[in-house]
PDB file of N, CA and C in Angstrom:
ATOM      1  N   UNK A   1       0.836  -1.185   0.000  1.00  0.00           N
ATOM      2  CA  UNK A   1       0.000   0.000   0.000  1.00  0.00           C
ATOM      3  C   UNK A   1       0.876   1.243   0.000  1.00  0.00           C
ATOM      4  N   UNK A   2       0.325   2.317  -0.490  1.00  0.00           N
ATOM      5  CA  UNK A   2       1.056   3.576  -0.522  1.00  0.00           C
ATOM      6  C   UNK A   2       1.039   4.234   0.859  1.00  0.00           C
ATOM      7  N   UNK A   3       1.920   5.208   1.031  1.00  0.00           N
ATOM      8  CA  UNK A   3       1.988   5.929   2.303  1.00  0.00           C
ATOM      9  C   UNK A   3       0.650   6.589   2.618  1.00  0.00           C
ATOM     10  N   UNK A   4       0.033   7.209   1.633  1.00  0.00           N
ATOM     11  CA  UNK A   4      -1.228   7.909   1.880  1.00  0.00           C
ATOM     12  C   UNK A   4      -2.333   6.913   2.245  1.00  0.00           C
ATOM     13  N   UNK A   5      -2.327   5.751   1.615  1.00  0.00           N
ATOM     14  CA  UNK A   5      -3.314   4.718   1.943  1.00  0.00           C
ATOM     15  C   UNK A   5      -3.076   4.196   3.358  1.00  0.00           C
ATOM     16  N   UNK A   6      -1.830   3.977   3.730  1.00  0.00           N
ATOM     17  CA  UNK A   6      -1.508   3.524   5.084  1.00  0.00           C
ATOM     18  C   UNK A   6      -1.970   4.533   6.124  1.00  0.00           C
ATOM     19  N   UNK A   7      -1.746   5.829   5.860  1.00  0.00           N
ATOM     20  CA  UNK A   7      -2.169   6.858   6.805  1.00  0.00           C
ATOM     21  C   UNK A   7      -3.693   6.922   6.904  1.00  0.00           C
ATOM     22  N   UNK A   8      -4.371   6.774   5.784  1.00  0.00           N
ATOM     23  CA  UNK A   8      -5.841   6.811   5.795  1.00  0.00           C
ATOM     24  C   UNK A   8      -6.399   5.633   6.598  1.00  0.00           C
ATOM     25  N   UNK A   9      -5.819   4.466   6.423  1.00  0.00           N
ATOM     26  CA  UNK A   9      -6.259   3.299   7.186  1.00  0.00           C
ATOM     27  C   UNK A   9      -5.951   3.499   8.672  1.00  0.00           C
ATOM     28  N   UNK A  10      -4.783   4.047   8.998  1.00  0.00           N
ATOM     29  CA  UNK A  10      -4.426   4.307  10.398  1.00  0.00           C
ATOM     30  C   UNK A  10      -5.422   5.275  11.038  1.00  0.00           C
ATOM     31  N   UNK A  11      -5.794   6.327  10.318  1.00  0.00           N
ATOM     32  CA  UNK A  11      -6.761   7.287  10.849  1.00  0.00           C
ATOM     33  C   UNK A  11      -8.118   6.616  11.075  1.00  0.00           C
ATOM     34  N   UNK A  12      -8.553   5.826  10.125  1.00  0.00           N
ATOM     35  CA  UNK A  12      -9.827   5.125  10.272  1.00  0.00           C
ATOM     36  C   UNK A  12      -9.796   4.196  11.480  1.00  0.00           C
ATOM     37  N   UNK A  13      -8.689   3.494  11.659  1.00  0.00           N
ATOM     38  CA  UNK A  13      -8.573   2.593  12.807  1.00  0.00           C
ATOM     39  C   UNK A  13      -8.529   3.357  14.125  1.00  0.00           C
ATOM     40  N   UNK A  14      -7.917   4.533  14.133  1.00  0.00           N
ATOM     41  CA  UNK A  14      -7.918   5.345  15.349  1.00  0.00           C
ATOM     42  C   UNK A  14      -9.317   5.841  15.674  1.00  0.00           C
ATOM     43  N   UNK A  15     -10.094   6.144  14.649  1.00  0.00           N
ATOM     44  CA  UNK A  15     -11.453   6.639  14.868  1.00  0.00           C
ATOM     45  C   UNK A  15     -12.459   5.526  15.147  1.00  0.00           C
ATOM     46  N   UNK A  16     -12.266   4.365  14.528  1.00  0.00           N
ATOM     47  CA  UNK A  16     -13.276   3.310  14.573  1.00  0.00           C
ATOM     48  C   UNK A  16     -12.824   2.029  15.257  1.00  0.00           C
ATOM     49  N   UNK A  17     -11.543   1.913  15.557  1.00  0.00           N
ATOM     50  CA  UNK A  17     -11.026   0.667  16.112  1.00  0.00           C
ATOM     51  C   UNK A  17     -10.594  -0.277  15.005  1.00  0.00           C
ATOM     52  N   UNK A  18     -10.399  -1.530  15.371  1.00  0.00           N
ATOM     53  CA  UNK A  18      -9.913  -2.540  14.426  1.00  0.00           C
ATOM     54  C   UNK A  18     -10.934  -2.739  13.301  1.00  0.00           C
ATOM     55  N   UNK A  19     -10.477  -2.584  12.078  1.00  0.00           N
ATOM     56  CA  UNK A  19     -11.367  -2.754  10.926  1.00  0.00           C
ATOM     57  C   UNK A  19     -11.052  -4.030  10.159  1.00  0.00           C
ATOM     58  N   UNK A  20     -10.115  -4.842  10.658  1.00  0.00           N
ATOM     59  CA  UNK A  20      -9.671  -6.026   9.920  1.00  0.00           C
ATOM     60  C   UNK A  20     -10.783  -7.040   9.706  1.00  0.00           C
ATOM     61  N   UNK A  21     -11.792  -7.049  10.569  1.00  0.00           N
ATOM     62  CA  UNK A  21     -12.883  -8.006  10.396  1.00  0.00           C
ATOM     63  C   UNK A  21     -14.005  -7.462   9.506  1.00  0.00           C
ATOM     64  N   UNK A  22     -13.894  -6.196   9.116  1.00  0.00           N
ATOM     65  CA  UNK A  22     -14.907  -5.607   8.230  1.00  0.00           C
ATOM     66  C   UNK A  22     -14.766  -6.159   6.825  1.00  0.00           C
ATOM     67  N   UNK A  23     -15.889  -6.301   6.166  1.00  0.00           N
ATOM     68  CA  UNK A  23     -15.841  -6.652   4.750  1.00  0.00           C
ATOM     69  C   UNK A  23     -15.774  -5.352   3.957  1.00  0.00           C
ATOM     70  N   UNK A  24     -15.331  -5.413   2.711  1.00  0.00           N
ATOM     71  CA  UNK A  24     -15.355  -4.197   1.896  1.00  0.00           C
ATOM     72  C   UNK A  24     -16.754  -3.576   1.826  1.00  0.00           C
ATOM     73  N   UNK A  25     -17.796  -4.415   1.854  1.00  0.00           N
ATOM     74  CA  UNK A  25     -19.165  -3.899   1.824  1.00  0.00           C
ATOM     75  C   UNK A  25     -19.465  -3.036   3.053  1.00  0.00           C
ATOM     76  N   UNK A  26     -18.740  -3.269   4.143  1.00  0.00           N
ATOM     77  CA  UNK A  26     -18.918  -2.471   5.351  1.00  0.00           C
ATOM     78  C   UNK A  26     -18.465  -1.026   5.187  1.00  0.00           C
ATOM     79  N   UNK A  27     -17.715  -0.747   4.135  1.00  0.00           N
ATOM     80  CA  UNK A  27     -17.251   0.617   3.876  1.00  0.00           C
ATOM     81  C   UNK A  27     -18.142   1.340   2.881  1.00  0.00           C
ATOM     82  N   UNK A  28     -19.169   0.677   2.369  1.00  0.00           N
ATOM     83  CA  UNK A  28     -20.017   1.278   1.336  1.00  0.00           C
ATOM     84  C   UNK A  28     -20.718   2.540   1.825  1.00  0.00           C
ATOM     85  N   UNK A  29     -21.291   2.501   3.012  1.00  0.00           N
ATOM     86  CA  UNK A  29     -22.015   3.670   3.517  1.00  0.00           C
ATOM     87  C   UNK A  29     -21.086   4.845   3.836  1.00  0.00           C
ATOM     88  N   UNK A  30     -19.959   4.632   4.543  1.00  0.00           N
ATOM     89  CA  UNK A  30     -19.040   5.758   4.746  1.00  0.00           C
ATOM     90  C   UNK A  30     -18.539   6.343   3.423  1.00  0.00           C
ATOM     91  N   UNK A  31     -18.284   5.466   2.442  1.00  0.00           N
ATOM     92  CA  UNK A  31     -17.850   5.963   1.141  1.00  0.00           C
ATOM     93  C   UNK A  31     -18.941   6.801   0.488  1.00  0.00           C
ATOM     94  N   UNK A  32     -20.175   6.306   0.518  1.00  0.00           N
ATOM     95  CA  UNK A  32     -21.279   7.033  -0.109  1.00  0.00           C
ATOM     96  C   UNK A  32     -21.447   8.414   0.514  1.00  0.00           C
ATOM     97  N   UNK A  33     -21.325   8.487   1.829  1.00  0.00           N
ATOM     98  CA  UNK A  33     -21.438   9.792   2.497  1.00  0.00           C
ATOM     99  C   UNK A  33     -20.339  10.743   2.026  1.00  0.00           C
ATOM    100  N   UNK A  34     -19.111  10.261   1.942  1.00  0.00           N
ATOM    101  CA  UNK A  34     -18.005  11.101   1.468  1.00  0.00           C
ATOM    102  C   UNK A  34     -18.200  11.499   0.011  1.00  0.00           C
ATOM    103  N   UNK A  35     -18.642  10.547  -0.810  1.00  0.00           N
ATOM    104  CA  UNK A  35     -18.870  10.834  -2.225  1.00  0.00           C
ATOM    105  C   UNK A  35     -19.982  11.870  -2.399  1.00  0.00           C
ATOM    106  N   UNK A  36     -21.047  11.743  -1.621  1.00  0.00           N
ATOM    107  CA  UNK A  36     -22.132  12.721  -1.710  1.00  0.00           C
ATOM    108  C   UNK A  36     -21.687  14.095  -1.214  1.00  0.00           C
ATOM    109  N   UNK A  37     -20.861  14.123  -0.178  1.00  0.00           N
ATOM    110  CA  UNK A  37     -20.333  15.408   0.289  1.00  0.00           C
ATOM    111  C   UNK A  37     -19.568  16.102  -0.833  1.00  0.00           C
ATOM    112  N   UNK A  38     -18.733  15.355  -1.547  1.00  0.00           N
ATOM    113  CA  UNK A  38     -17.997  15.936  -2.667  1.00  0.00           C
ATOM    114  C   UNK A  38     -18.956  16.325  -3.788  1.00  0.00           C
ATOM    115  N   UNK A  39     -19.901  15.480  -4.097  1.00  0.00           N
ATOM    116  CA  UNK A  39     -20.891  15.762  -5.144  1.00  0.00           C
ATOM    117  C   UNK A  39     -21.590  17.093  -4.882  1.00  0.00           C
ATOM    118  N   UNK A  40     -22.043  17.290  -3.645  1.00  0.00           N
ATOM    119  CA  UNK A  40     -22.744  18.535  -3.321  1.00  0.00           C
ATOM    120  C   UNK A  40     -21.786  19.720  -3.229  1.00  0.00           C
ATOM    121  N   UNK A  41     -20.554  19.495  -2.758  1.00  0.00           N
ATOM    122  CA  UNK A  41     -19.560  20.574  -2.711  1.00  0.00           C
ATOM    123  C   UNK A  41     -19.240  21.083  -4.115  1.00  0.00           C
ATOM    124  N   UNK A  42     -19.334  20.175  -5.103  1.00  0.00           N
ATOM    125  CA  UNK A  42     -19.085  20.561  -6.495  1.00  0.00           C
ATOM    126  C   UNK A  42     -20.310  21.194  -7.150  1.00  0.00           C
ATOM    127  N   UNK A  43     -21.419  21.267  -6.413  1.00  0.00           N
ATOM    128  CA  UNK A  43     -22.625  21.880  -6.952  1.00  0.00           C
ATOM    129  C   UNK A  43     -23.632  20.894  -7.501  1.00  0.00           C
ATOM    130  N   UNK A  44     -23.507  19.618  -7.128  1.00  0.00           N
ATOM    131  CA  UNK A  44     -24.416  18.584  -7.624  1.00  0.00           C
ATOM    132  C   UNK A  44     -25.856  18.825  -7.205  1.00  0.00           C
ATOM    133  N   UNK A  45     -26.770  18.345  -8.024  1.00  0.00           N
ATOM    134  CA  UNK A  45     -28.207  18.508  -7.824  1.00  0.00           C
ATOM    135  C   UNK A  45     -28.763  17.323  -7.022  1.00  0.00           C
ATOM    136  N   UNK A  46     -29.470  17.586  -5.908  1.00  0.00           N
ATOM    137  CA  UNK A  46     -30.025  16.492  -5.108  1.00  0.00           C
ATOM    138  C   UNK A  46     -30.960  15.570  -5.901  1.00  0.00           C
ATOM    139  N   UNK A  47     -31.774  16.136  -6.764  1.00  0.00           N
ATOM    140  CA  UNK A  47     -32.699  15.310  -7.543  1.00  0.00           C
ATOM    141  C   UNK A  47     -31.931  14.358  -8.467  1.00  0.00           C
ATOM    142  N   UNK A  48     -30.878  14.836  -9.068  1.00  0.00           N
ATOM    143  CA  UNK A  48     -30.068  13.979  -9.950  1.00  0.00           C
ATOM    144  C   UNK A  48     -29.378  12.886  -9.145  1.00  0.00           C
ATOM    145  N   UNK A  49     -28.982  13.188  -7.916  1.00  0.00           N
ATOM    146  CA  UNK A  49     -28.357  12.174  -7.058  1.00  0.00           C
ATOM    147  C   UNK A  49     -29.336  11.033  -6.791  1.00  0.00           C
ATOM    148  N   UNK A  50     -30.586  11.360  -6.561  1.00  0.00           N
ATOM    149  CA  UNK A  50     -31.602  10.339  -6.320  1.00  0.00           C
ATOM    150  C   UNK A  50     -31.794   9.481  -7.570  1.00  0.00           C
ATOM    151  N   UNK A  51     -31.841  10.114  -8.734  1.00  0.00           N
ATOM    152  CA  UNK A  51     -31.992   9.380  -9.990  1.00  0.00           C
ATOM    153  C   UNK A  51     -30.821   8.416 -10.180  1.00  0.00           C
ATOM    154  N   UNK A  52     -29.606   8.909  -9.966  1.00  0.00           N
ATOM    155  CA  UNK A  52     -28.420   8.059 -10.141  1.00  0.00           C
ATOM    156  C   UNK A  52     -28.399   6.903  -9.141  1.00  0.00           C
ATOM    157  N   UNK A  53     -28.792   7.186  -7.905  1.00  0.00           N
ATOM    158  CA  UNK A  53     -28.786   6.143  -6.877  1.00  0.00           C
ATOM    159  C   UNK A  53     -29.778   5.033  -7.201  1.00  0.00           C
ATOM    160  N   UNK A  54     -30.875   5.381  -7.828  1.00  0.00           N
ATOM    161  CA  UNK A  54     -31.885   4.386  -8.146  1.00  0.00           C
ATOM    162  C   UNK A  54     -31.726   3.716  -9.496  1.00  0.00           C
ATOM    163  N   UNK A  55     -30.746   4.146 -10.262  1.00  0.00           N
ATOM    164  CA  UNK A  55     -30.557   3.595 -11.610  1.00  0.00           C
ATOM    165  C   UNK A  55     -30.087   2.140 -11.543  1.00  0.00           C
ATOM    166  N   UNK A  56     -30.623   1.324 -12.429  1.00  0.00           N
ATOM    167  CA  UNK A  56     -30.205  -0.075 -12.524  1.00  0.00           C
ATOM    168  C   UNK A  56     -28.823  -0.150 -13.168  1.00  0.00           C
ATOM    169  N   UNK A  57     -27.998  -1.017 -12.635  1.00  0.00           N
ATOM    170  CA  UNK A  57     -26.676  -1.264 -13.195  1.00  0.00           C
ATOM    171  C   UNK A  57     -26.754  -2.555 -14.003  1.00  0.00           C
ATOM    172  N   UNK A  58     -26.211  -2.583 -15.228  1.00  0.00           N
ATOM    173  CA  UNK A  58     -26.301  -3.795 -16.045  1.00  0.00           C
ATOM    174  C   UNK A  58     -25.580  -4.980 -15.411  1.00  0.00           C
ATOM    175  N   UNK A  59     -24.524  -4.716 -14.676  1.00  0.00           N
ATOM    176  CA  UNK A  59     -23.784  -5.763 -13.965  1.00  0.00           C
ATOM    177  C   UNK A  59     -23.101  -5.128 -12.771  1.00  0.00           C
ATOM    178  N   UNK A  60     -22.719  -5.953 -11.818  1.00  0.00           N
ATOM    179  CA  UNK A  60     -22.027  -5.422 -10.646  1.00  0.00           C
ATOM    180  C   UNK A  60     -20.653  -4.921 -11.079  1.00  0.00           C
ATOM    181  N   UNK A  61     -20.355  -3.631 -10.807  1.00  0.00           N
ATOM    182  CA  UNK A  61     -19.043  -3.089 -11.188  1.00  0.00           C
ATOM    183  C   UNK A  61     -17.912  -3.753 -10.395  1.00  0.00           C
ATOM    184  N   UNK A  62     -16.746  -3.835 -10.993  1.00  0.00           N
ATOM    185  CA  UNK A  62     -15.564  -4.352 -10.294  1.00  0.00           C
ATOM    186  C   UNK A  62     -15.011  -3.263  -9.384  1.00  0.00           C
ATOM    187  N   UNK A  63     -14.523  -3.656  -8.228  1.00  0.00           N
ATOM    188  CA  UNK A  63     -13.972  -2.700  -7.261  1.00  0.00           C
ATOM    189  C   UNK A  63     -12.760  -1.988  -7.842  1.00  0.00           C
ATOM    190  N   UNK A  64     -11.836  -2.716  -8.477  1.00  0.00           N
ATOM    191  CA  UNK A  64     -10.618  -2.078  -8.983  1.00  0.00           C
ATOM    192  C   UNK A  64     -10.938  -1.036 -10.053  1.00  0.00           C
ATOM    193  N   UNK A  65     -11.847  -1.359 -10.952  1.00  0.00           N
ATOM    194  CA  UNK A  65     -12.213  -0.399 -12.001  1.00  0.00           C
ATOM    195  C   UNK A  65     -12.964   0.793 -11.407  1.00  0.00           C
ATOM    196  N   UNK A  66     -13.798   0.536 -10.426  1.00  0.00           N
ATOM    197  CA  UNK A  66     -14.563   1.619  -9.802  1.00  0.00           C
ATOM    198  C   UNK A  66     -13.663   2.555  -9.006  1.00  0.00           C
ATOM    199  N   UNK A  67     -12.666   1.990  -8.300  1.00  0.00           N
ATOM    200  CA  UNK A  67     -11.697   2.830  -7.579  1.00  0.00           C
ATOM    201  C   UNK A  67     -10.964   3.722  -8.576  1.00  0.00           C
ATOM    202  N   UNK A  68     -10.543   3.147  -9.700  1.00  0.00           N
ATOM    203  CA  UNK A  68      -9.843   3.934 -10.720  1.00  0.00           C
ATOM    204  C   UNK A  68     -10.738   5.048 -11.257  1.00  0.00           C
ATOM    205  N   UNK A  69     -12.009   4.738 -11.526  1.00  0.00           N
ATOM    206  CA  UNK A  69     -12.944   5.752 -12.016  1.00  0.00           C
ATOM    207  C   UNK A  69     -13.100   6.893 -11.012  1.00  0.00           C
ATOM    208  N   UNK A  70     -13.223   6.538  -9.732  1.00  0.00           N
ATOM    209  CA  UNK A  70     -13.371   7.557  -8.685  1.00  0.00           C
ATOM    210  C   UNK A  70     -12.122   8.434  -8.618  1.00  0.00           C
ATOM    211  N   UNK A  71     -10.947   7.809  -8.680  1.00  0.00           N
ATOM    212  CA  UNK A  71      -9.702   8.580  -8.596  1.00  0.00           C
ATOM    213  C   UNK A  71      -9.558   9.538  -9.776  1.00  0.00           C
ATOM    214  N   UNK A  72      -9.978   9.113 -10.965  1.00  0.00           N
ATOM    215  CA  UNK A  72      -9.927  10.002 -12.133  1.00  0.00           C
ATOM    216  C   UNK A  72     -10.843  11.198 -11.909  1.00  0.00           C
ATOM    217  N   UNK A  73     -12.060  10.958 -11.435  1.00  0.00           N
ATOM    218  CA  UNK A  73     -13.001  12.063 -11.212  1.00  0.00           C
ATOM    219  C   UNK A  73     -12.528  12.990 -10.102  1.00  0.00           C
ATOM    220  N   UNK A  74     -11.923  12.427  -9.053  1.00  0.00           N
ATOM    221  CA  UNK A  74     -11.368  13.271  -7.980  1.00  0.00           C
ATOM    222  C   UNK A  74     -10.231  14.126  -8.524  1.00  0.00           C
ATOM    223  N   UNK A  75      -9.400  13.550  -9.379  1.00  0.00           N
ATOM    224  CA  UNK A  75      -8.296  14.312  -9.979  1.00  0.00           C
ATOM    225  C   UNK A  75      -8.828  15.464 -10.820  1.00  0.00           C
ATOM    226  N   UNK A  76      -9.863  15.210 -11.610  1.00  0.00           N
ATOM    227  CA  UNK A  76     -10.436  16.268 -12.450  1.00  0.00           C
ATOM    228  C   UNK A  76     -11.096  17.340 -11.578  1.00  0.00           C
ATOM    229  N   UNK A  77     -11.879  16.923 -10.580  1.00  0.00           N
ATOM    230  CA  UNK A  77     -12.524  17.900  -9.689  1.00  0.00           C
ATOM    231  C   UNK A  77     -11.475  18.738  -8.962  1.00  0.00           C
ATOM    232  N   UNK A  78     -10.392  18.097  -8.512  1.00  0.00           N
ATOM    233  CA  UNK A  78      -9.312  18.823  -7.835  1.00  0.00           C
ATOM    234  C   UNK A  78      -8.653  19.816  -8.777  1.00  0.00           C
ATOM    235  N   UNK A  79      -8.385  19.385  -9.991  1.00  0.00           N
ATOM    236  CA  UNK A  79      -7.763  20.259 -10.993  1.00  0.00           C
ATOM    237  C   UNK A  79      -8.648  21.478 -11.263  1.00  0.00           C
ATOM    238  N   UNK A  80      -9.933  21.239 -11.491  1.00  0.00           N
ATOM    239  CA  UNK A  80     -10.848  22.340 -11.798  1.00  0.00           C
ATOM    240  C   UNK A  80     -11.049  23.278 -10.612  1.00  0.00           C
ATOM    241  N   UNK A  81     -10.808  22.766  -9.394  1.00  0.00           N
ATOM    242  CA  UNK A  81     -10.927  23.581  -8.178  1.00  0.00           C
ATOM    243  C   UNK A  81      -9.582  24.137  -7.733  1.00  0.00           C
ATOM    244  N   UNK A  82      -8.533  23.906  -8.539  1.00  0.00           N
ATOM    245  CA  UNK A  82      -7.179  24.362  -8.239  1.00  0.00           C
ATOM    246  C   UNK A  82      -6.700  23.839  -6.886  1.00  0.00           C
ATOM    247  N   UNK A  83      -6.905  22.544  -6.684  1.00  0.00           N
ATOM    248  CA  UNK A  83      -6.503  21.876  -5.443  1.00  0.00           C
ATOM    249  C   UNK A  83      -5.612  20.701  -5.806  1.00  0.00           C
ATOM    250  N   UNK A  84      -4.512  20.529  -5.087  1.00  0.00           N
ATOM    251  CA  UNK A  84      -3.686  19.332  -5.226  1.00  0.00           C
ATOM    252  C   UNK A  84      -4.322  18.262  -4.352  1.00  0.00           C
ATOM    253  N   UNK A  85      -4.912  17.247  -4.973  1.00  0.00           N
ATOM    254  CA  UNK A  85      -5.685  16.255  -4.226  1.00  0.00           C
ATOM    255  C   UNK A  85      -4.829  15.479  -3.226  1.00  0.00           C
ATOM    256  N   UNK A  86      -3.597  15.203  -3.569  1.00  0.00           N
ATOM    257  CA  UNK A  86      -2.728  14.469  -2.657  1.00  0.00           C
ATOM    258  C   UNK A  86      -2.345  15.350  -1.470  1.00  0.00           C
ATOM    259  N   UNK A  87      -2.004  16.617  -1.736  1.00  0.00           N
ATOM    260  CA  UNK A  87      -1.649  17.515  -0.644  1.00  0.00           C
ATOM    261  C   UNK A  87      -2.837  17.757   0.279  1.00  0.00           C
ATOM    262  N   UNK A  88      -4.028  17.914  -0.286  1.00  0.00           N
ATOM    263  CA  UNK A  88      -5.226  18.107   0.533  1.00  0.00           C
ATOM    264  C   UNK A  88      -5.442  16.903   1.448  1.00  0.00           C
ATOM    265  N   UNK A  89      -5.210  15.715   0.911  1.00  0.00           N
ATOM    266  CA  UNK A  89      -5.384  14.497   1.711  1.00  0.00           C
ATOM    267  C   UNK A  89      -4.329  14.418   2.804  1.00  0.00           C
ATOM    268  N   UNK A  90      -3.063  14.673   2.451  1.00  0.00           N
ATOM    269  CA  UNK A  90      -2.013  14.666   3.471  1.00  0.00           C
ATOM    270  C   UNK A  90      -2.299  15.697   4.562  1.00  0.00           C
ATOM    271  N   UNK A  91      -2.755  16.885   4.191  1.00  0.00           N
ATOM    272  CA  UNK A  91      -3.051  17.917   5.189  1.00  0.00           C
ATOM    273  C   UNK A  91      -4.065  17.410   6.200  1.00  0.00           C
ATOM    274  N   UNK A  92      -5.149  16.799   5.718  1.00  0.00           N
ATOM    275  CA  UNK A  92      -6.174  16.287   6.632  1.00  0.00           C
ATOM    276  C   UNK A  92      -5.631  15.144   7.480  1.00  0.00           C
ATOM    277  N   UNK A  93      -4.980  14.178   6.840  1.00  0.00           N
ATOM    278  CA  UNK A  93      -4.473  13.023   7.580  1.00  0.00           C
ATOM    279  C   UNK A  93      -3.451  13.437   8.626  1.00  0.00           C
ATOM    280  N   UNK A  94      -2.493  14.273   8.238  1.00  0.00           N
ATOM    281  CA  UNK A  94      -1.465  14.708   9.187  1.00  0.00           C
ATOM    282  C   UNK A  94      -2.078  15.467  10.352  1.00  0.00           C
ATOM    283  N   UNK A  95      -3.035  16.355  10.069  1.00  0.00           N
ATOM    284  CA  UNK A  95      -3.679  17.125  11.126  1.00  0.00           C
ATOM    285  C   UNK A  95      -4.433  16.209  12.082  1.00  0.00           C
ATOM    286  N   UNK A  96      -5.247  15.329  11.533  1.00  0.00           N
ATOM    287  CA  UNK A  96      -6.071  14.466  12.391  1.00  0.00           C
ATOM    288  C   UNK A  96      -5.246  13.431  13.138  1.00  0.00           C
ATOM    289  N   UNK A  97      -4.243  12.842  12.492  1.00  0.00           N
ATOM    290  CA  UNK A  97      -3.411  11.867  13.187  1.00  0.00           C
ATOM    291  C   UNK A  97      -2.621  12.536  14.309  1.00  0.00           C
ATOM    292  N   UNK A  98      -2.132  13.742  14.073  1.00  0.00           N
ATOM    293  CA  UNK A  98      -1.417  14.496  15.102  1.00  0.00           C
ATOM    294  C   UNK A  98      -2.348  14.883  16.240  1.00  0.00           C
ATOM    295  N   UNK A  99      -3.542  15.351  15.904  1.00  0.00           N
ATOM    296  CA  UNK A  99      -4.522  15.742  16.924  1.00  0.00           C
ATOM    297  C   UNK A  99      -4.929  14.564  17.785  1.00  0.00           C
ATOM    298  N   UNK A 100      -5.162  13.428  17.163  1.00  0.00           N
ATOM    299  CA  UNK A 100      -5.548  12.235  17.914  1.00  0.00           C
ATOM    300  C   UNK A 100      -4.430  11.774  18.836  1.00  0.00           C
ATOM    301  N   UNK A 101      -3.195  11.843  18.347  1.00  0.00           N
ATOM    302  CA  UNK A 101      -2.050  11.421  19.163  1.00  0.00           C
ATOM    303  C   UNK A 101      -1.887  12.314  20.398  1.00  0.00           C
ATOM    304  N   UNK A 102      -2.171  13.602  20.224  1.00  0.00           N
ATOM    305  CA  UNK A 102      -2.047  14.548  21.348  1.00  0.00           C
ATOM    306  C   UNK A 102      -3.112  14.322  22.403  1.00  0.00           C
ATOM    307  N   UNK A 103      -4.279  13.844  22.010  1.00  0.00           N
ATOM    308  CA  UNK A 103      -5.396  13.678  22.943  1.00  0.00           C
ATOM    309  C   UNK A 103      -5.413  12.309  23.643  1.00  0.00           C
ATOM    310  N   UNK A 104      -4.412  11.511  23.398  1.00  0.00           N
ATOM    311  CA  UNK A 104      -4.353  10.199  24.057  1.00  0.00           C
ATOM    312  C   UNK A 104      -3.659  10.297  25.380  1.00  0.00           C
TER     313      UNK A 104
END
């Protein structure tokens, strides 16, 4: 795993405890909340979100392809918002991991 992925997992474990017994499906709701937060921050329409959520999928998407699709869209949204997506992530992770360590 990459350094940023390791830090993200460490932060999640500090906030939620041991996640090793969770299935990937257990992360679906937290992911959806984060994705919707970004969708609305970018100016997304609530009605369109409902339509997309209810749309039938022809087949179950693969996790690896879906992760890649999400990363591409995050990169484009970051670019259009003049944000370095990796730096923004490091800023949050470093701040929260440091804050949590201080409060122990």
